[in-house]
């Protein structure tokens, strides 16, 4: 409270925010308590099933380029001009073939781009470029 010793007729215009803070804290506590209860509005007991085996996926072809610029398909070294023909043969055997391309970080970008172009010319559309984390 504010007391005044003077005999002035001025109105004291201070807002008391304590009741407002009390109400807001009560509302906050109510929302904190009720919010977790609202997440499961419909109680459902889900059925239990046996585990299902995942679909069989064939291993992808791994095209690798080492630091010296040598090309490999699944650890078998090949000549760069044979990459496209080997990939076309793999595409003919399996139309849904997947290719993973990995290259050493010291390899020239042009060599990686040539390998990617050969993969595209072979008609393979599922390509993943493998990088380190």
C-alpha atoms as a PDB file:
ATOM      1  CA  UNK A   1       0.000   0.000   0.000  1.00  0.00           C
ATOM      2  CA  UNK A   2       1.100   3.477  -0.632  1.00  0.00           C
ATOM      3  CA  UNK A   3       0.437   6.036   2.055  1.00  0.00           C
ATOM      4  CA  UNK A   4       0.602   9.683   1.476  1.00  0.00           C
ATOM      5  CA  UNK A   5       1.205  12.245   4.206  1.00  0.00           C
ATOM      6  CA  UNK A   6       0.118  15.116   2.091  1.00  0.00           C
ATOM      7  CA  UNK A   7      -3.468  16.201   1.805  1.00  0.00           C
ATOM      8  CA  UNK A   8      -3.591  16.041  -1.949  1.00  0.00           C
ATOM      9  CA  UNK A   9      -6.611  14.745  -3.769  1.00  0.00           C
ATOM     10  CA  UNK A  10      -4.584  13.014  -6.485  1.00  0.00           C
ATOM     11  CA  UNK A  11      -5.682   9.544  -7.452  1.00  0.00           C
ATOM     12  CA  UNK A  12      -3.152   6.801  -6.964  1.00  0.00           C
ATOM     13  CA  UNK A  13      -3.011   4.926 -10.299  1.00  0.00           C
ATOM     14  CA  UNK A  14      -0.905   1.795  -9.746  1.00  0.00           C
ATOM     15  CA  UNK A  15      -1.948  -1.573 -11.104  1.00  0.00           C
ATOM     16  CA  UNK A  16      -1.664  -4.486  -8.757  1.00  0.00           C
ATOM     17  CA  UNK A  17      -0.348  -7.383 -10.882  1.00  0.00           C
ATOM     18  CA  UNK A  18      -0.172  -9.967  -8.100  1.00  0.00           C
ATOM     19  CA  UNK A  19      -3.665 -11.398  -8.725  1.00  0.00           C
ATOM     20  CA  UNK A  20      -2.934 -11.550 -12.457  1.00  0.00           C
ATOM     21  CA  UNK A  21       0.280 -13.508 -11.859  1.00  0.00           C
ATOM     22  CA  UNK A  22      -1.559 -15.862  -9.477  1.00  0.00           C
ATOM     23  CA  UNK A  23      -4.247 -16.601 -12.055  1.00  0.00           C
ATOM     24  CA  UNK A  24      -1.686 -17.158 -14.827  1.00  0.00           C
ATOM     25  CA  UNK A  25       0.334 -19.576 -12.669  1.00  0.00           C
ATOM     26  CA  UNK A  26      -2.816 -21.563 -11.832  1.00  0.00           C
ATOM     27  CA  UNK A  27      -3.699 -21.763 -15.553  1.00  0.00           C
ATOM     28  CA  UNK A  28      -0.162 -22.870 -16.379  1.00  0.00           C
ATOM     29  CA  UNK A  29      -0.328 -25.668 -13.798  1.00  0.00           C
ATOM     30  CA  UNK A  30      -3.716 -26.772 -15.145  1.00  0.00           C
ATOM     31  CA  UNK A  31      -2.380 -26.961 -18.722  1.00  0.00           C
ATOM     32  CA  UNK A  32       0.752 -28.822 -17.621  1.00  0.00           C
ATOM     33  CA  UNK A  33      -1.352 -31.411 -15.791  1.00  0.00           C
ATOM     34  CA  UNK A  34      -4.018 -31.882 -18.492  1.00  0.00           C
ATOM     35  CA  UNK A  35      -1.825 -31.819 -21.635  1.00  0.00           C
ATOM     36  CA  UNK A  36      -0.440 -35.379 -21.227  1.00  0.00           C
ATOM     37  CA  UNK A  37      -3.973 -36.682 -20.719  1.00  0.00           C
ATOM     38  CA  UNK A  38      -5.126 -35.289 -24.064  1.00  0.00           C
ATOM     39  CA  UNK A  39      -2.617 -37.232 -26.182  1.00  0.00           C
ATOM     40  CA  UNK A  40      -4.485 -40.553 -25.808  1.00  0.00           C
ATOM     41  CA  UNK A  41      -8.005 -39.336 -26.296  1.00  0.00           C
ATOM     42  CA  UNK A  42      -9.193 -42.689 -27.682  1.00  0.00           C
ATOM     43  CA  UNK A  43      -8.032 -45.736 -25.729  1.00  0.00           C
ATOM     44  CA  UNK A  44      -7.152 -48.572 -28.103  1.00  0.00           C
ATOM     45  CA  UNK A  45      -5.685 -51.967 -27.340  1.00  0.00           C
ATOM     46  CA  UNK A  46      -3.606 -52.858 -30.397  1.00  0.00           C
ATOM     47  CA  UNK A  47      -3.441 -56.515 -31.456  1.00  0.00           C
ATOM     48  CA  UNK A  48      -0.220 -58.425 -31.126  1.00  0.00           C
ATOM     49  CA  UNK A  49       1.232 -60.095 -34.220  1.00  0.00           C
ATOM     50  CA  UNK A  50       4.235 -62.166 -35.103  1.00  0.00           C
ATOM     51  CA  UNK A  51       7.221 -60.439 -36.687  1.00  0.00           C
ATOM     52  CA  UNK A  52       7.176 -60.433 -40.465  1.00  0.00           C
ATOM     53  CA  UNK A  53      10.361 -61.036 -42.405  1.00  0.00           C
ATOM     54  CA  UNK A  54      11.447 -58.044 -44.494  1.00  0.00           C
ATOM     55  CA  UNK A  55      11.360 -58.252 -48.256  1.00  0.00           C
ATOM     56  CA  UNK A  56      14.367 -59.883 -49.839  1.00  0.00           C
ATOM     57  CA  UNK A  57      16.516 -57.192 -51.421  1.00  0.00           C
ATOM     58  CA  UNK A  58      19.426 -58.044 -53.624  1.00  0.00           C
ATOM     59  CA  UNK A  59      22.787 -56.560 -52.772  1.00  0.00           C
ATOM     60  CA  UNK A  60      23.526 -53.445 -54.810  1.00  0.00           C
ATOM     61  CA  UNK A  61      26.449 -53.151 -57.176  1.00  0.00           C
ATOM     62  CA  UNK A  62      29.177 -51.085 -55.562  1.00  0.00           C
ATOM     63  CA  UNK A  63      31.175 -48.922 -57.960  1.00  0.00           C
ATOM     64  CA  UNK A  64      34.303 -47.634 -56.221  1.00  0.00           C
ATOM     65  CA  UNK A  65      37.008 -45.182 -57.277  1.00  0.00           C
ATOM     66  CA  UNK A  66      40.146 -45.304 -55.156  1.00  0.00           C
ATOM     67  CA  UNK A  67      42.668 -42.541 -54.548  1.00  0.00           C
ATOM     68  CA  UNK A  68      44.649 -43.524 -57.647  1.00  0.00           C
ATOM     69  CA  UNK A  69      41.609 -43.250 -59.919  1.00  0.00           C
ATOM     70  CA  UNK A  70      41.159 -47.021 -60.381  1.00  0.00           C
ATOM     71  CA  UNK A  71      37.592 -48.271 -60.910  1.00  0.00           C
ATOM     72  CA  UNK A  72      36.142 -51.270 -59.107  1.00  0.00           C
ATOM     73  CA  UNK A  73      32.828 -53.091 -59.298  1.00  0.00           C
ATOM     74  CA  UNK A  74      32.282 -55.115 -56.147  1.00  0.00           C
ATOM     75  CA  UNK A  75      36.036 -55.258 -55.403  1.00  0.00           C
ATOM     76  CA  UNK A  76      36.907 -56.344 -58.978  1.00  0.00           C
ATOM     77  CA  UNK A  77      39.118 -53.838 -60.776  1.00  0.00           C
ATOM     78  CA  UNK A  78      37.919 -52.870 -64.253  1.00  0.00           C
ATOM     79  CA  UNK A  79      39.024 -50.495 -66.975  1.00  0.00           C
ATOM     80  CA  UNK A  80      37.122 -47.170 -67.085  1.00  0.00           C
ATOM     81  CA  UNK A  81      35.923 -47.778 -70.652  1.00  0.00           C
ATOM     82  CA  UNK A  82      34.349 -51.126 -69.607  1.00  0.00           C
ATOM     83  CA  UNK A  83      32.232 -49.645 -66.800  1.00  0.00           C
ATOM     84  CA  UNK A  84      29.229 -48.854 -68.975  1.00  0.00           C
ATOM     85  CA  UNK A  85      29.181 -52.262 -70.677  1.00  0.00           C
ATOM     86  CA  UNK A  86      29.467 -54.122 -67.362  1.00  0.00           C
ATOM     87  CA  UNK A  87      26.626 -52.057 -65.921  1.00  0.00           C
ATOM     88  CA  UNK A  88      24.454 -52.664 -69.012  1.00  0.00           C
ATOM     89  CA  UNK A  89      25.046 -56.412 -68.589  1.00  0.00           C
ATOM     90  CA  UNK A  90      24.008 -56.146 -64.931  1.00  0.00           C
ATOM     91  CA  UNK A  91      20.931 -54.149 -65.974  1.00  0.00           C
ATOM     92  CA  UNK A  92      20.014 -56.855 -68.528  1.00  0.00           C
ATOM     93  CA  UNK A  93      20.230 -59.549 -65.817  1.00  0.00           C
ATOM     94  CA  UNK A  94      18.207 -57.539 -63.287  1.00  0.00           C
ATOM     95  CA  UNK A  95      16.083 -54.619 -64.469  1.00  0.00           C
ATOM     96  CA  UNK A  96      15.770 -53.377 -60.869  1.00  0.00           C
ATOM     97  CA  UNK A  97      19.506 -53.209 -60.167  1.00  0.00           C
ATOM     98  CA  UNK A  98      20.737 -50.657 -57.631  1.00  0.00           C
ATOM     99  CA  UNK A  99      24.176 -49.044 -57.709  1.00  0.00           C
ATOM    100  CA  UNK A 100      26.147 -47.481 -54.886  1.00  0.00           C
ATOM    101  CA  UNK A 101      28.939 -45.138 -55.960  1.00  0.00           C
ATOM    102  CA  UNK A 102      31.774 -44.410 -53.576  1.00  0.00           C
ATOM    103  CA  UNK A 103      34.895 -42.436 -54.332  1.00  0.00           C
ATOM    104  CA  UNK A 104      37.956 -41.424 -52.374  1.00  0.00           C
ATOM    105  CA  UNK A 105      37.820 -37.764 -51.295  1.00  0.00           C
ATOM    106  CA  UNK A 106      41.070 -37.098 -53.151  1.00  0.00           C
ATOM    107  CA  UNK A 107      39.627 -38.200 -56.502  1.00  0.00           C
ATOM    108  CA  UNK A 108      39.097 -35.553 -59.154  1.00  0.00           C
ATOM    109  CA  UNK A 109      35.436 -34.599 -59.548  1.00  0.00           C
ATOM    110  CA  UNK A 110      35.650 -35.231 -63.276  1.00  0.00           C
ATOM    111  CA  UNK A 111      36.302 -38.937 -62.724  1.00  0.00           C
ATOM    112  CA  UNK A 112      33.298 -39.211 -60.427  1.00  0.00           C
ATOM    113  CA  UNK A 113      31.160 -37.345 -62.966  1.00  0.00           C
ATOM    114  CA  UNK A 114      32.299 -39.714 -65.748  1.00  0.00           C
ATOM    115  CA  UNK A 115      31.354 -42.711 -63.602  1.00  0.00           C
ATOM    116  CA  UNK A 116      27.945 -41.191 -62.879  1.00  0.00           C
ATOM    117  CA  UNK A 117      27.392 -40.531 -66.581  1.00  0.00           C
ATOM    118  CA  UNK A 118      28.311 -44.139 -67.416  1.00  0.00           C
ATOM    119  CA  UNK A 119      25.818 -45.356 -64.811  1.00  0.00           C
ATOM    120  CA  UNK A 120      23.125 -43.159 -66.332  1.00  0.00           C
ATOM    121  CA  UNK A 121      23.928 -44.262 -69.905  1.00  0.00           C
ATOM    122  CA  UNK A 122      23.641 -47.883 -68.760  1.00  0.00           C
ATOM    123  CA  UNK A 123      20.000 -47.132 -67.915  1.00  0.00           C
ATOM    124  CA  UNK A 124      20.350 -47.468 -64.156  1.00  0.00           C
ATOM    125  CA  UNK A 125      18.166 -45.008 -62.301  1.00  0.00           C
ATOM    126  CA  UNK A 126      18.684 -46.188 -58.720  1.00  0.00           C
ATOM    127  CA  UNK A 127      21.993 -44.640 -57.691  1.00  0.00           C
ATOM    128  CA  UNK A 128      23.214 -43.885 -54.185  1.00  0.00           C
ATOM    129  CA  UNK A 129      26.372 -41.859 -53.589  1.00  0.00           C
ATOM    130  CA  UNK A 130      28.077 -43.110 -50.427  1.00  0.00           C
ATOM    131  CA  UNK A 131      29.817 -40.607 -48.151  1.00  0.00           C
ATOM    132  CA  UNK A 132      31.375 -40.735 -44.698  1.00  0.00           C
ATOM    133  CA  UNK A 133      29.574 -39.190 -41.749  1.00  0.00           C
END
